[in-house]
Amino acid sequence: MMSFNKRLTSEKGTSLEEGTGLGLLLVKQFLINNKGLLNIQSKEGEMTEFIISFLKA
């Protein structure tokens, strides 16, 4: 299981852009504040899918 408590070293994007490593930390805080869940499914060298869900009020 991945920990979201610290910044990670970011890899270059598809256009060779550099990331800051803050994206998932911001998502984590948003999910905590809104009682949401994050599921990450990854296939090495192919894709990573981020699934965000929220409880229906």
PDB file of N, CA and C in Angstrom:
ATOM      1  N   MET A   1       0.847  -1.186   0.000  1.00  0.00           N
ATOM      2  CA  MET A   1       0.000   0.000   0.000  1.00  0.00           C
ATOM      3  C   MET A   1       0.890   1.246   0.000  1.00  0.00           C
ATOM      4  N   MET A   2       0.520   2.207  -0.797  1.00  0.00           N
ATOM      5  CA  MET A   2       1.309   3.420  -0.929  1.00  0.00           C
ATOM      6  C   MET A   2       0.954   4.413   0.176  1.00  0.00           C
ATOM      7  N   SER A   3       1.949   5.067   0.733  1.00  0.00           N
ATOM      8  CA  SER A   3       1.729   6.104   1.732  1.00  0.00           C
ATOM      9  C   SER A   3       1.684   7.460   1.055  1.00  0.00           C
ATOM     10  N   PHE A   4       0.723   8.298   1.459  1.00  0.00           N
ATOM     11  CA  PHE A   4       0.589   9.630   0.888  1.00  0.00           C
ATOM     12  C   PHE A   4       0.986  10.695   1.895  1.00  0.00           C
ATOM     13  N   ASN A   5       1.835  10.357   2.840  1.00  0.00           N
ATOM     14  CA  ASN A   5       2.206  11.286   3.895  1.00  0.00           C
ATOM     15  C   ASN A   5       3.455  12.089   3.581  1.00  0.00           C
ATOM     16  N   LYS A   6       4.036  11.888   2.431  1.00  0.00           N
ATOM     17  CA  LYS A   6       5.230  12.644   2.060  1.00  0.00           C
ATOM     18  C   LYS A   6       5.276  12.819   0.557  1.00  0.00           C
ATOM     19  N   ARG A   7       6.000  13.819   0.124  1.00  0.00           N
ATOM     20  CA  ARG A   7       6.153  14.051  -1.310  1.00  0.00           C
ATOM     21  C   ARG A   7       7.012  12.959  -1.916  1.00  0.00           C
ATOM     22  N   LEU A   8       6.674  12.576  -3.131  1.00  0.00           N
ATOM     23  CA  LEU A   8       7.426  11.566  -3.851  1.00  0.00           C
ATOM     24  C   LEU A   8       8.239  12.233  -4.947  1.00  0.00           C
ATOM     25  N   THR A   9       9.287  11.569  -5.384  1.00  0.00           N
ATOM     26  CA  THR A   9      10.045  12.069  -6.516  1.00  0.00           C
ATOM     27  C   THR A   9       9.221  11.819  -7.767  1.00  0.00           C
ATOM     28  N   SER A  10       9.013  12.854  -8.543  1.00  0.00           N
ATOM     29  CA  SER A  10       8.152  12.769  -9.707  1.00  0.00           C
ATOM     30  C   SER A  10       8.962  12.402 -10.941  1.00  0.00           C
ATOM     31  N   GLU A  11       8.367  11.550 -11.783  1.00  0.00           N
ATOM     32  CA  GLU A  11       8.991  11.216 -13.061  1.00  0.00           C
ATOM     33  C   GLU A  11       8.543  12.222 -14.109  1.00  0.00           C
ATOM     34  N   LYS A  12       9.260  12.281 -15.210  1.00  0.00           N
ATOM     35  CA  LYS A  12       8.890  13.174 -16.307  1.00  0.00           C
ATOM     36  C   LYS A  12       7.562  12.715 -16.915  1.00  0.00           C
ATOM     37  N   GLY A  13       6.733  13.697 -17.317  1.00  0.00           N
ATOM     38  CA  GLY A  13       5.447  13.405 -17.930  1.00  0.00           C
ATOM     39  C   GLY A  13       5.598  13.039 -19.396  1.00  0.00           C
ATOM     40  N   THR A  14       4.468  12.855 -20.065  1.00  0.00           N
ATOM     41  CA  THR A  14       4.484  12.435 -21.462  1.00  0.00           C
ATOM     42  C   THR A  14       5.077  13.491 -22.387  1.00  0.00           C
ATOM     43  N   SER A  15       5.053  14.752 -21.964  1.00  0.00           N
ATOM     44  CA  SER A  15       5.666  15.834 -22.753  1.00  0.00           C
ATOM     45  C   SER A  15       6.976  16.286 -22.111  1.00  0.00           C
ATOM     46  N   LEU A  16       7.553  15.398 -21.289  1.00  0.00           N
ATOM     47  CA  LEU A  16       8.799  15.632 -20.555  1.00  0.00           C
ATOM     48  C   LEU A  16       8.699  16.767 -19.548  1.00  0.00           C
ATOM     49  N   GLU A  17       7.456  17.104 -19.110  1.00  0.00           N
ATOM     50  CA  GLU A  17       7.292  18.119 -18.070  1.00  0.00           C
ATOM     51  C   GLU A  17       7.667  17.522 -16.717  1.00  0.00           C
ATOM     52  N   GLU A  18       8.096  18.380 -15.809  1.00  0.00           N
ATOM     53  CA  GLU A  18       8.464  17.940 -14.468  1.00  0.00           C
ATOM     54  C   GLU A  18       7.338  18.243 -13.495  1.00  0.00           C
ATOM     55  N   GLY A  19       7.089  17.332 -12.572  1.00  0.00           N
ATOM     56  CA  GLY A  19       6.071  17.539 -11.546  1.00  0.00           C
ATOM     57  C   GLY A  19       6.702  18.010 -10.249  1.00  0.00           C
ATOM     58  N   THR A  20       5.856  18.443  -9.319  1.00  0.00           N
ATOM     59  CA  THR A  20       6.340  18.903  -8.019  1.00  0.00           C
ATOM     60  C   THR A  20       6.210  17.832  -6.946  1.00  0.00           C
ATOM     61  N   GLY A  21       5.392  16.799  -7.217  1.00  0.00           N
ATOM     62  CA  GLY A  21       5.157  15.767  -6.211  1.00  0.00           C
ATOM     63  C   GLY A  21       4.063  16.146  -5.226  1.00  0.00           C
ATOM     64  N   LEU A  22       3.360  17.254  -5.466  1.00  0.00           N
ATOM     65  CA  LEU A  22       2.320  17.703  -4.543  1.00  0.00           C
ATOM     66  C   LEU A  22       0.920  17.227  -4.913  1.00  0.00           C
ATOM     67  N   GLY A  23       0.731  16.758  -6.125  1.00  0.00           N
ATOM     68  CA  GLY A  23      -0.599  16.406  -6.604  1.00  0.00           C
ATOM     69  C   GLY A  23      -1.353  15.430  -5.717  1.00  0.00           C
ATOM     70  N   LEU A  24      -0.746  14.304  -5.389  1.00  0.00           N
ATOM     71  CA  LEU A  24      -1.445  13.312  -4.578  1.00  0.00           C
ATOM     72  C   LEU A  24      -1.668  13.789  -3.148  1.00  0.00           C
ATOM     73  N   LEU A  25      -0.779  14.635  -2.636  1.00  0.00           N
ATOM     74  CA  LEU A  25      -1.008  15.199  -1.304  1.00  0.00           C
ATOM     75  C   LEU A  25      -2.238  16.101  -1.299  1.00  0.00           C
ATOM     76  N   LEU A  26      -2.431  16.878  -2.369  1.00  0.00           N
ATOM     77  CA  LEU A  26      -3.613  17.732  -2.476  1.00  0.00           C
ATOM     78  C   LEU A  26      -4.875  16.883  -2.610  1.00  0.00           C
ATOM     79  N   VAL A  27      -4.806  15.826  -3.417  1.00  0.00           N
ATOM     80  CA  VAL A  27      -5.945  14.920  -3.571  1.00  0.00           C
ATOM     81  C   VAL A  27      -6.281  14.275  -2.235  1.00  0.00           C
ATOM     82  N   LYS A  28      -5.269  13.849  -1.494  1.00  0.00           N
ATOM     83  CA  LYS A  28      -5.490  13.216  -0.193  1.00  0.00           C
ATOM     84  C   LYS A  28      -6.242  14.155   0.736  1.00  0.00           C
ATOM     85  N   GLN A  29      -5.811  15.401   0.808  1.00  0.00           N
ATOM     86  CA  GLN A  29      -6.467  16.355   1.699  1.00  0.00           C
ATOM     87  C   GLN A  29      -7.913  16.603   1.269  1.00  0.00           C
ATOM     88  N   PHE A  30      -8.146  16.718  -0.030  1.00  0.00           N
ATOM     89  CA  PHE A  30      -9.503  16.903  -0.546  1.00  0.00           C
ATOM     90  C   PHE A  30     -10.387  15.713  -0.181  1.00  0.00           C
ATOM     91  N   LEU A  31      -9.859  14.501  -0.327  1.00  0.00           N
ATOM     92  CA  LEU A  31     -10.628  13.300  -0.015  1.00  0.00           C
ATOM     93  C   LEU A  31     -10.935  13.201   1.476  1.00  0.00           C
ATOM     94  N   ILE A  32      -9.982  13.552   2.302  1.00  0.00           N
ATOM     95  CA  ILE A  32     -10.213  13.533   3.755  1.00  0.00           C
ATOM     96  C   ILE A  32     -11.331  14.506   4.115  1.00  0.00           C
ATOM     97  N   ASN A  33     -11.270  15.710   3.557  1.00  0.00           N
ATOM     98  CA  ASN A  33     -12.265  16.744   3.868  1.00  0.00           C
ATOM     99  C   ASN A  33     -13.657  16.390   3.363  1.00  0.00           C
ATOM    100  N   ASN A  34     -13.744  15.543   2.333  1.00  0.00           N
ATOM    101  CA  ASN A  34     -15.022  15.226   1.716  1.00  0.00           C
ATOM    102  C   ASN A  34     -15.409  13.755   1.844  1.00  0.00           C
ATOM    103  N   LYS A  35     -14.754  13.039   2.740  1.00  0.00           N
ATOM    104  CA  LYS A  35     -15.037  11.621   3.008  1.00  0.00           C
ATOM    105  C   LYS A  35     -15.028  10.790   1.724  1.00  0.00           C
ATOM    106  N   GLY A  36     -13.975  10.979   0.941  1.00  0.00           N
ATOM    107  CA  GLY A  36     -13.837  10.250  -0.312  1.00  0.00           C
ATOM    108  C   GLY A  36     -12.805   9.141  -0.210  1.00  0.00           C
ATOM    109  N   LEU A  37     -12.775   8.311  -1.237  1.00  0.00           N
ATOM    110  CA  LEU A  37     -11.831   7.196  -1.312  1.00  0.00           C
ATOM    111  C   LEU A  37     -11.054   7.272  -2.617  1.00  0.00           C
ATOM    112  N   LEU A  38      -9.801   6.824  -2.576  1.00  0.00           N
ATOM    113  CA  LEU A  38      -8.953   6.773  -3.765  1.00  0.00           C
ATOM    114  C   LEU A  38      -8.471   5.347  -3.957  1.00  0.00           C
ATOM    115  N   ASN A  39      -8.701   4.821  -5.158  1.00  0.00           N
ATOM    116  CA  ASN A  39      -8.216   3.497  -5.510  1.00  0.00           C
ATOM    117  C   ASN A  39      -7.276   3.664  -6.701  1.00  0.00           C
ATOM    118  N   ILE A  40      -6.068   3.118  -6.599  1.00  0.00           N
ATOM    119  CA  ILE A  40      -5.085   3.233  -7.672  1.00  0.00           C
ATOM    120  C   ILE A  40      -4.814   1.842  -8.226  1.00  0.00           C
ATOM    121  N   GLN A  41      -4.973   1.689  -9.543  1.00  0.00           N
ATOM    122  CA  GLN A  41      -4.681   0.434 -10.217  1.00  0.00           C
ATOM    123  C   GLN A  41      -3.630   0.725 -11.275  1.00  0.00           C
ATOM    124  N   SER A  42      -2.527  -0.012 -11.227  1.00  0.00           N
ATOM    125  CA  SER A  42      -1.415   0.284 -12.123  1.00  0.00           C
ATOM    126  C   SER A  42      -0.898  -0.978 -12.797  1.00  0.00           C
ATOM    127  N   LYS A  43      -0.558  -0.829 -14.083  1.00  0.00           N
ATOM    128  CA  LYS A  43       0.114  -1.886 -14.831  1.00  0.00           C
ATOM    129  C   LYS A  43       1.453  -1.314 -15.274  1.00  0.00           C
ATOM    130  N   GLU A  44       2.516  -1.879 -14.756  1.00  0.00           N
ATOM    131  CA  GLU A  44       3.853  -1.345 -15.010  1.00  0.00           C
ATOM    132  C   GLU A  44       4.126  -1.194 -16.500  1.00  0.00           C
ATOM    133  N   GLY A  45       4.571  -0.019 -16.885  1.00  0.00           N
ATOM    134  CA  GLY A  45       4.909   0.258 -18.265  1.00  0.00           C
ATOM    135  C   GLY A  45       3.720   0.508 -19.168  1.00  0.00           C
ATOM    136  N   GLU A  46       2.485   0.420 -18.620  1.00  0.00           N
ATOM    137  CA  GLU A  46       1.300   0.597 -19.449  1.00  0.00           C
ATOM    138  C   GLU A  46       0.461   1.788 -19.016  1.00  0.00           C
ATOM    139  N   MET A  47      -0.109   1.708 -17.814  1.00  0.00           N
ATOM    140  CA  MET A  47      -1.035   2.746 -17.390  1.00  0.00           C
ATOM    141  C   MET A  47      -1.213   2.742 -15.888  1.00  0.00           C
ATOM    142  N   THR A  48      -1.724   3.842 -15.381  1.00  0.00           N
ATOM    143  CA  THR A  48      -2.159   3.930 -14.000  1.00  0.00           C
ATOM    144  C   THR A  48      -3.541   4.556 -14.008  1.00  0.00           C
ATOM    145  N   GLU A  49      -4.468   3.923 -13.307  1.00  0.00           N
ATOM    146  CA  GLU A  49      -5.844   4.399 -13.238  1.00  0.00           C
ATOM    147  C   GLU A  49      -6.121   4.860 -11.810  1.00  0.00           C
ATOM    148  N   PHE A  50      -6.605   6.092 -11.663  1.00  0.00           N
ATOM    149  CA  PHE A  50      -6.965   6.658 -10.371  1.00  0.00           C
ATOM    150  C   PHE A  50      -8.481   6.737 -10.309  1.00  0.00           C
ATOM    151  N   ILE A  51      -9.084   6.050  -9.346  1.00  0.00           N
ATOM    152  CA  ILE A  51     -10.539   6.033  -9.196  1.00  0.00           C
ATOM    153  C   ILE A  51     -10.888   6.730  -7.879  1.00  0.00           C
ATOM    154  N   ILE A  52     -11.633   7.819  -7.988  1.00  0.00           N
ATOM    155  CA  ILE A  52     -12.041   8.591  -6.814  1.00  0.00           C
ATOM    156  C   ILE A  52     -13.535   8.385  -6.625  1.00  0.00           C
ATOM    157  N   SER A  53     -13.941   8.075  -5.402  1.00  0.00           N
ATOM    158  CA  SER A  53     -15.370   7.898  -5.130  1.00  0.00           C
ATOM    159  C   SER A  53     -15.727   8.608  -3.832  1.00  0.00           C
ATOM    160  N   PHE A  54     -17.007   9.002  -3.756  1.00  0.00           N
ATOM    161  CA  PHE A  54     -17.519   9.721  -2.593  1.00  0.00           C
ATOM    162  C   PHE A  54     -18.795   9.049  -2.127  1.00  0.00           C
ATOM    163  N   LEU A  55     -19.044   9.137  -0.834  1.00  0.00           N
ATOM    164  CA  LEU A  55     -20.289   8.608  -0.279  1.00  0.00           C
ATOM    165  C   LEU A  55     -21.430   9.501  -0.709  1.00  0.00           C
ATOM    166  N   LYS A  56     -22.541   8.888  -1.077  1.00  0.00           N
ATOM    167  CA  LYS A  56     -23.722   9.656  -1.469  1.00  0.00           C
ATOM    168  C   LYS A  56     -24.389  10.190  -0.221  1.00  0.00           C
ATOM    169  N   ALA A  57     -24.653  11.478  -0.202  1.00  0.00           N
ATOM    170  CA  ALA A  57     -25.245  12.103   1.001  1.00  0.00           C
ATOM    171  C   ALA A  57     -26.738  11.954   1.046  1.00  0.00           C
TER     172      ALA A  57
END
